[in-house]
N, C-alpha and C. Protein backbone atom coordinates (compact mmCIF):
# COMPACT_ATOMS: atom_id res chain seq x y z
N MET A 1 34.95 -9.99 31.08
CA MET A 1 33.71 -10.48 31.69
C MET A 1 33.76 -12.00 31.78
N SER A 2 33.18 -12.48 32.82
CA SER A 2 33.15 -13.93 33.00
C SER A 2 32.01 -14.52 32.17
N LYS A 3 32.06 -15.81 31.98
CA LYS A 3 31.02 -16.49 31.19
C LYS A 3 29.66 -16.37 31.86
N THR A 4 29.62 -16.34 33.16
CA THR A 4 28.36 -16.23 33.89
C THR A 4 27.72 -14.87 33.62
N LYS A 5 28.51 -13.79 33.63
CA LYS A 5 27.98 -12.46 33.37
C LYS A 5 27.46 -12.36 31.93
N ILE A 6 28.15 -12.98 31.00
CA ILE A 6 27.72 -12.96 29.60
C ILE A 6 26.39 -13.70 29.45
N LYS A 7 26.27 -14.84 30.12
CA LYS A 7 25.02 -15.61 30.06
C LYS A 7 23.87 -14.81 30.66
N ILE A 8 24.12 -14.14 31.78
CA ILE A 8 23.08 -13.33 32.43
C ILE A 8 22.67 -12.18 31.50
N LEU A 9 23.64 -11.55 30.86
CA LEU A 9 23.36 -10.46 29.92
C LEU A 9 22.50 -10.94 28.75
N ILE A 10 22.82 -12.10 28.21
CA ILE A 10 22.05 -12.66 27.10
C ILE A 10 20.62 -12.96 27.54
N VAL A 11 20.45 -13.55 28.72
CA VAL A 11 19.11 -13.85 29.23
C VAL A 11 18.32 -12.56 29.43
N LEU A 12 18.95 -11.53 29.96
CA LEU A 12 18.26 -10.25 30.15
C LEU A 12 17.85 -9.63 28.82
N LEU A 13 18.71 -9.73 27.81
CA LEU A 13 18.36 -9.21 26.49
C LEU A 13 17.18 -9.95 25.89
N VAL A 14 17.16 -11.27 26.03
CA VAL A 14 16.05 -12.07 25.50
C VAL A 14 14.76 -11.72 26.23
N ILE A 15 14.84 -11.55 27.55
CA ILE A 15 13.65 -11.18 28.32
C ILE A 15 13.17 -9.79 27.93
N SER A 16 14.10 -8.88 27.68
CA SER A 16 13.74 -7.50 27.35
C SER A 16 13.12 -7.37 25.96
N PHE A 17 13.73 -8.01 24.97
CA PHE A 17 13.29 -7.83 23.59
C PHE A 17 12.35 -8.93 23.10
N GLY A 18 12.22 -10.01 23.82
CA GLY A 18 11.34 -11.11 23.42
C GLY A 18 9.90 -10.69 23.25
N PRO A 19 9.29 -10.04 24.26
CA PRO A 19 7.88 -9.62 24.10
C PRO A 19 7.68 -8.63 22.93
N TYR A 20 8.62 -7.73 22.74
CA TYR A 20 8.54 -6.79 21.61
C TYR A 20 8.56 -7.54 20.29
N TYR A 21 9.46 -8.49 20.15
CA TYR A 21 9.55 -9.29 18.92
C TYR A 21 8.25 -10.05 18.68
N ILE A 22 7.73 -10.68 19.70
CA ILE A 22 6.49 -11.46 19.57
C ILE A 22 5.34 -10.54 19.16
N TYR A 23 5.23 -9.37 19.80
CA TYR A 23 4.17 -8.44 19.46
C TYR A 23 4.28 -7.97 18.01
N GLN A 24 5.46 -7.54 17.60
CA GLN A 24 5.64 -6.97 16.27
C GLN A 24 5.51 -8.00 15.16
N ASN A 25 6.00 -9.20 15.36
CA ASN A 25 6.09 -10.16 14.28
C ASN A 25 5.05 -11.27 14.32
N ILE A 26 4.38 -11.44 15.43
CA ILE A 26 3.42 -12.53 15.51
C ILE A 26 2.01 -12.03 15.81
N LEU A 27 1.87 -11.18 16.82
CA LEU A 27 0.54 -10.75 17.25
C LEU A 27 -0.02 -9.59 16.46
N TYR A 28 0.82 -8.66 16.03
CA TYR A 28 0.34 -7.47 15.35
C TYR A 28 -0.06 -7.79 13.92
N LYS A 29 -1.27 -7.45 13.57
CA LYS A 29 -1.77 -7.63 12.21
C LYS A 29 -2.41 -6.32 11.78
N ASP A 30 -2.37 -6.03 10.48
CA ASP A 30 -3.02 -4.85 9.97
C ASP A 30 -4.53 -5.03 10.11
N ALA A 31 -5.15 -4.23 10.94
CA ALA A 31 -6.56 -4.40 11.28
C ALA A 31 -7.50 -3.87 10.21
N ARG A 32 -7.01 -3.02 9.32
CA ARG A 32 -7.89 -2.42 8.33
C ARG A 32 -8.24 -3.40 7.22
N ASP A 33 -9.50 -3.41 6.86
CA ASP A 33 -9.97 -4.17 5.71
C ASP A 33 -10.46 -3.16 4.69
N ILE A 34 -9.55 -2.74 3.82
CA ILE A 34 -9.83 -1.68 2.86
C ILE A 34 -11.00 -2.04 1.96
N ASN A 35 -11.12 -3.31 1.62
CA ASN A 35 -12.19 -3.74 0.72
C ASN A 35 -13.57 -3.47 1.30
N SER A 36 -13.71 -3.52 2.61
CA SER A 36 -15.01 -3.29 3.23
C SER A 36 -15.23 -1.83 3.61
N GLU A 37 -14.19 -1.00 3.54
CA GLU A 37 -14.32 0.42 3.86
C GLU A 37 -14.96 1.18 2.70
N LYS A 38 -15.66 2.26 3.05
CA LYS A 38 -16.22 3.14 2.02
C LYS A 38 -15.12 4.10 1.59
N SER A 39 -14.98 4.29 0.29
CA SER A 39 -13.94 5.19 -0.22
C SER A 39 -14.36 6.65 0.02
N ILE A 40 -13.34 7.50 0.25
CA ILE A 40 -13.64 8.92 0.51
C ILE A 40 -13.93 9.67 -0.78
N LEU A 41 -13.43 9.15 -1.92
CA LEU A 41 -13.70 9.77 -3.20
C LEU A 41 -13.31 8.84 -4.33
N THR A 42 -13.78 9.18 -5.52
CA THR A 42 -13.37 8.51 -6.74
C THR A 42 -12.70 9.57 -7.60
N ILE A 43 -11.51 9.24 -8.11
CA ILE A 43 -10.72 10.19 -8.88
C ILE A 43 -10.02 9.46 -10.02
N THR A 44 -9.78 10.15 -11.12
CA THR A 44 -9.05 9.51 -12.22
C THR A 44 -7.58 9.41 -11.84
N ALA A 45 -6.92 8.42 -12.38
CA ALA A 45 -5.48 8.23 -12.13
C ALA A 45 -4.70 9.46 -12.57
N GLU A 46 -5.09 10.03 -13.69
CA GLU A 46 -4.40 11.21 -14.22
C GLU A 46 -4.51 12.40 -13.27
N ASN A 47 -5.70 12.67 -12.76
CA ASN A 47 -5.89 13.81 -11.86
C ASN A 47 -5.16 13.61 -10.53
N LEU A 48 -5.18 12.40 -10.02
CA LEU A 48 -4.47 12.12 -8.77
C LEU A 48 -2.97 12.33 -8.93
N GLU A 49 -2.42 11.83 -10.01
CA GLU A 49 -0.99 11.98 -10.26
C GLU A 49 -0.62 13.45 -10.45
N LYS A 50 -1.48 14.22 -11.12
CA LYS A 50 -1.23 15.65 -11.31
C LYS A 50 -1.14 16.38 -9.97
N GLU A 51 -2.08 16.06 -9.07
CA GLU A 51 -2.07 16.71 -7.76
C GLU A 51 -0.78 16.40 -7.00
N TYR A 52 -0.35 15.15 -7.05
CA TYR A 52 0.89 14.78 -6.36
C TYR A 52 2.11 15.42 -7.02
N THR A 53 2.11 15.53 -8.33
CA THR A 53 3.24 16.12 -9.03
C THR A 53 3.37 17.61 -8.70
N LEU A 54 2.23 18.31 -8.63
CA LEU A 54 2.25 19.74 -8.33
C LEU A 54 2.72 20.02 -6.90
N ASP A 55 2.23 19.22 -5.93
CA ASP A 55 2.59 19.44 -4.53
C ASP A 55 2.46 18.13 -3.74
N PRO A 56 3.56 17.35 -3.64
CA PRO A 56 3.51 16.06 -2.95
C PRO A 56 3.06 16.17 -1.49
N THR A 57 3.43 17.23 -0.80
CA THR A 57 3.03 17.40 0.60
C THR A 57 1.52 17.59 0.72
N LYS A 58 0.97 18.40 -0.16
CA LYS A 58 -0.48 18.62 -0.17
C LYS A 58 -1.20 17.33 -0.56
N GLY A 59 -0.63 16.61 -1.53
CA GLY A 59 -1.21 15.32 -1.93
C GLY A 59 -1.26 14.35 -0.77
N ASP A 60 -0.16 14.27 -0.03
CA ASP A 60 -0.13 13.38 1.15
C ASP A 60 -1.17 13.80 2.18
N SER A 61 -1.31 15.10 2.41
CA SER A 61 -2.27 15.55 3.42
C SER A 61 -3.70 15.22 3.02
N LYS A 62 -3.98 15.18 1.72
CA LYS A 62 -5.33 14.87 1.25
C LYS A 62 -5.61 13.38 1.10
N TYR A 63 -4.57 12.60 0.69
CA TYR A 63 -4.84 11.22 0.26
C TYR A 63 -4.11 10.13 1.04
N LEU A 64 -3.01 10.45 1.68
CA LEU A 64 -2.20 9.41 2.33
C LEU A 64 -3.00 8.62 3.35
N ASN A 65 -2.93 7.30 3.24
CA ASN A 65 -3.58 6.35 4.15
C ASN A 65 -5.11 6.41 4.08
N LYS A 66 -5.65 6.97 3.01
CA LYS A 66 -7.09 7.05 2.81
C LYS A 66 -7.54 5.99 1.80
N THR A 67 -8.78 5.56 1.93
CA THR A 67 -9.38 4.62 0.99
C THR A 67 -9.97 5.40 -0.17
N ILE A 68 -9.48 5.12 -1.37
CA ILE A 68 -9.83 5.89 -2.56
C ILE A 68 -10.11 4.94 -3.72
N GLU A 69 -11.02 5.34 -4.60
CA GLU A 69 -11.25 4.59 -5.84
C GLU A 69 -10.59 5.33 -6.99
N ILE A 70 -9.87 4.58 -7.81
CA ILE A 70 -9.14 5.12 -8.95
C ILE A 70 -9.82 4.64 -10.22
N GLU A 71 -10.05 5.57 -11.15
CA GLU A 71 -10.60 5.23 -12.46
C GLU A 71 -9.54 5.45 -13.53
N GLY A 72 -9.51 4.56 -14.49
CA GLY A 72 -8.59 4.71 -15.60
C GLY A 72 -8.43 3.43 -16.38
N LYS A 73 -7.52 3.45 -17.35
CA LYS A 73 -7.27 2.30 -18.20
C LYS A 73 -6.04 1.55 -17.68
N VAL A 74 -6.14 0.24 -17.62
CA VAL A 74 -5.02 -0.59 -17.16
C VAL A 74 -3.92 -0.55 -18.21
N SER A 75 -2.73 -0.09 -17.80
CA SER A 75 -1.61 0.02 -18.74
C SER A 75 -0.54 -1.04 -18.52
N GLU A 76 -0.58 -1.71 -17.37
CA GLU A 76 0.41 -2.76 -17.08
C GLU A 76 -0.19 -3.73 -16.06
N VAL A 77 0.11 -5.02 -16.24
CA VAL A 77 -0.37 -6.05 -15.32
C VAL A 77 0.76 -7.01 -15.01
N THR A 78 0.94 -7.31 -13.73
CA THR A 78 1.83 -8.41 -13.30
C THR A 78 0.99 -9.34 -12.44
N ASP A 79 1.60 -10.37 -11.89
CA ASP A 79 0.84 -11.31 -11.05
C ASP A 79 0.14 -10.62 -9.89
N SER A 80 0.79 -9.65 -9.27
CA SER A 80 0.25 -9.08 -8.04
C SER A 80 -0.03 -7.58 -8.12
N SER A 81 0.07 -7.00 -9.30
CA SER A 81 -0.15 -5.56 -9.38
C SER A 81 -0.70 -5.13 -10.74
N MET A 82 -1.24 -3.92 -10.74
CA MET A 82 -1.70 -3.26 -11.97
C MET A 82 -1.22 -1.83 -11.94
N VAL A 83 -1.01 -1.27 -13.11
CA VAL A 83 -0.73 0.16 -13.23
C VAL A 83 -1.87 0.76 -14.03
N ILE A 84 -2.44 1.84 -13.50
CA ILE A 84 -3.57 2.50 -14.13
C ILE A 84 -3.07 3.76 -14.85
N ASP A 85 -3.31 3.84 -16.14
CA ASP A 85 -2.90 4.99 -16.97
C ASP A 85 -1.42 5.34 -16.83
N GLY A 86 -0.59 4.39 -16.43
CA GLY A 86 0.84 4.66 -16.26
C GLY A 86 1.14 5.61 -15.12
N LYS A 87 0.14 5.89 -14.28
CA LYS A 87 0.28 6.92 -13.25
C LYS A 87 0.04 6.42 -11.83
N VAL A 88 -0.73 5.33 -11.66
CA VAL A 88 -1.04 4.81 -10.32
C VAL A 88 -0.71 3.32 -10.28
N PHE A 89 0.19 2.97 -9.36
CA PHE A 89 0.59 1.57 -9.15
C PHE A 89 -0.31 0.99 -8.07
N CYS A 90 -0.95 -0.14 -8.36
CA CYS A 90 -1.88 -0.78 -7.43
C CYS A 90 -1.39 -2.18 -7.07
N LYS A 91 -1.04 -2.38 -5.82
CA LYS A 91 -0.71 -3.71 -5.30
C LYS A 91 -2.03 -4.39 -4.98
N MET A 92 -2.34 -5.45 -5.71
CA MET A 92 -3.66 -6.09 -5.64
C MET A 92 -3.76 -7.10 -4.50
N ASN A 93 -4.98 -7.27 -3.97
CA ASN A 93 -5.25 -8.29 -2.95
C ASN A 93 -5.24 -9.69 -3.57
N GLU A 94 -5.70 -9.78 -4.80
CA GLU A 94 -5.78 -11.05 -5.50
C GLU A 94 -4.88 -11.00 -6.73
N LYS A 95 -4.66 -12.16 -7.32
CA LYS A 95 -3.85 -12.22 -8.53
C LYS A 95 -4.50 -11.39 -9.62
N ALA A 96 -3.72 -10.52 -10.23
CA ALA A 96 -4.23 -9.66 -11.31
C ALA A 96 -4.34 -10.47 -12.60
N LYS A 97 -5.35 -10.15 -13.39
CA LYS A 97 -5.59 -10.90 -14.63
C LYS A 97 -5.20 -10.07 -15.84
N MET A 98 -4.52 -10.70 -16.76
CA MET A 98 -4.11 -10.04 -18.00
C MET A 98 -5.32 -9.57 -18.82
N ALA A 99 -6.48 -10.17 -18.58
CA ALA A 99 -7.69 -9.80 -19.33
C ALA A 99 -8.07 -8.34 -19.12
N PHE A 100 -7.60 -7.73 -18.04
CA PHE A 100 -7.92 -6.32 -17.77
C PHE A 100 -7.03 -5.35 -18.54
N MET A 101 -6.00 -5.85 -19.18
CA MET A 101 -5.06 -4.99 -19.91
C MET A 101 -5.80 -4.14 -20.94
N ASN A 102 -5.53 -2.85 -20.95
CA ASN A 102 -6.13 -1.85 -21.85
C ASN A 102 -7.64 -1.68 -21.67
N LYS A 103 -8.17 -2.08 -20.54
CA LYS A 103 -9.60 -1.93 -20.25
C LYS A 103 -9.79 -0.82 -19.23
N GLN A 104 -10.91 -0.12 -19.35
CA GLN A 104 -11.29 0.89 -18.36
C GLN A 104 -11.68 0.16 -17.08
N ILE A 105 -11.21 0.66 -15.93
CA ILE A 105 -11.41 -0.08 -14.68
C ILE A 105 -11.55 0.89 -13.52
N ASN A 106 -12.14 0.41 -12.44
CA ASN A 106 -12.28 1.16 -11.19
C ASN A 106 -11.68 0.29 -10.09
N VAL A 107 -10.66 0.79 -9.40
CA VAL A 107 -9.96 0.03 -8.38
C VAL A 107 -10.00 0.79 -7.06
N LYS A 108 -10.33 0.09 -5.97
CA LYS A 108 -10.33 0.70 -4.64
C LYS A 108 -9.11 0.22 -3.88
N GLY A 109 -8.45 1.15 -3.17
CA GLY A 109 -7.28 0.79 -2.39
C GLY A 109 -6.90 1.89 -1.42
N ARG A 110 -5.78 1.66 -0.73
CA ARG A 110 -5.27 2.62 0.25
C ARG A 110 -4.06 3.33 -0.35
N CYS A 111 -4.11 4.65 -0.37
CA CYS A 111 -3.00 5.44 -0.91
C CYS A 111 -1.83 5.39 0.07
N ILE A 112 -0.66 5.00 -0.44
CA ILE A 112 0.53 4.95 0.42
C ILE A 112 1.59 5.97 -0.02
N GLY A 113 1.22 6.87 -0.93
CA GLY A 113 2.10 7.98 -1.26
C GLY A 113 2.59 8.01 -2.70
N PHE A 114 3.44 8.99 -2.97
CA PHE A 114 3.99 9.22 -4.30
C PHE A 114 5.41 8.69 -4.36
N ASP A 115 5.71 7.91 -5.38
CA ASP A 115 7.05 7.37 -5.59
C ASP A 115 7.79 8.28 -6.56
N ASP A 116 8.71 9.09 -6.03
CA ASP A 116 9.47 10.04 -6.86
C ASP A 116 10.29 9.34 -7.93
N LEU A 117 10.85 8.19 -7.59
CA LEU A 117 11.73 7.48 -8.51
C LEU A 117 10.98 7.05 -9.78
N PHE A 118 9.82 6.45 -9.61
CA PHE A 118 9.05 5.96 -10.75
C PHE A 118 7.99 6.95 -11.23
N GLY A 119 7.73 7.99 -10.46
CA GLY A 119 6.76 9.00 -10.84
C GLY A 119 5.33 8.50 -10.85
N VAL A 120 5.00 7.61 -9.89
CA VAL A 120 3.64 7.08 -9.79
C VAL A 120 3.14 7.22 -8.35
N VAL A 121 1.82 7.30 -8.22
CA VAL A 121 1.18 7.24 -6.91
C VAL A 121 1.00 5.76 -6.60
N LYS A 122 1.31 5.37 -5.36
CA LYS A 122 1.25 3.96 -5.00
C LYS A 122 0.07 3.67 -4.08
N PHE A 123 -0.57 2.55 -4.37
CA PHE A 123 -1.69 2.06 -3.58
C PHE A 123 -1.42 0.62 -3.18
N ASP A 124 -1.95 0.21 -2.02
CA ASP A 124 -1.89 -1.19 -1.64
C ASP A 124 -3.30 -1.65 -1.24
N GLN A 125 -3.44 -2.94 -0.97
CA GLN A 125 -4.71 -3.55 -0.59
C GLN A 125 -5.81 -3.23 -1.61
N CYS A 126 -5.48 -3.29 -2.88
CA CYS A 126 -6.41 -2.91 -3.94
C CYS A 126 -7.32 -4.05 -4.36
N SER A 127 -8.53 -3.68 -4.72
CA SER A 127 -9.49 -4.64 -5.26
C SER A 127 -10.25 -3.97 -6.40
N ILE A 128 -10.66 -4.75 -7.36
CA ILE A 128 -11.39 -4.25 -8.52
C ILE A 128 -12.84 -4.04 -8.11
N GLN A 129 -13.35 -2.84 -8.39
CA GLN A 129 -14.74 -2.52 -8.05
C GLN A 129 -15.66 -2.71 -9.25
N GLN A 130 -15.18 -2.36 -10.43
CA GLN A 130 -15.96 -2.56 -11.66
C GLN A 130 -15.00 -2.52 -12.83
N HIS A 131 -15.43 -3.11 -13.90
CA HIS A 131 -14.63 -3.07 -15.15
C HIS A 131 -15.54 -3.08 -16.34
């Protein structure tokens, strides 16, 4: 191929994939504000994990991508996450505070599924509702 054909091919590729890249990486934002949504239910971390352990497919059909409140005791805290009763991993919207460690808490978030490797139900966009 000549250099001219290669240059034309590169320009066509940029024209073809440029708008897709801009849309996916610049314009597209997650429109959901979980904190302002009403939760569909409140459930203990233990009961939620039991349901997923018994039947992950059924758990996904009931809870996946839904806004849910989790009740339980904080068993682990990092800068950006909490684990409730060792069963539900919560990626927090704000920096998590060590002061919540071993305290009963209610957290609202979006269920993103069951993690087989760690054996926990995972949530993101979490916020503390009460403690």
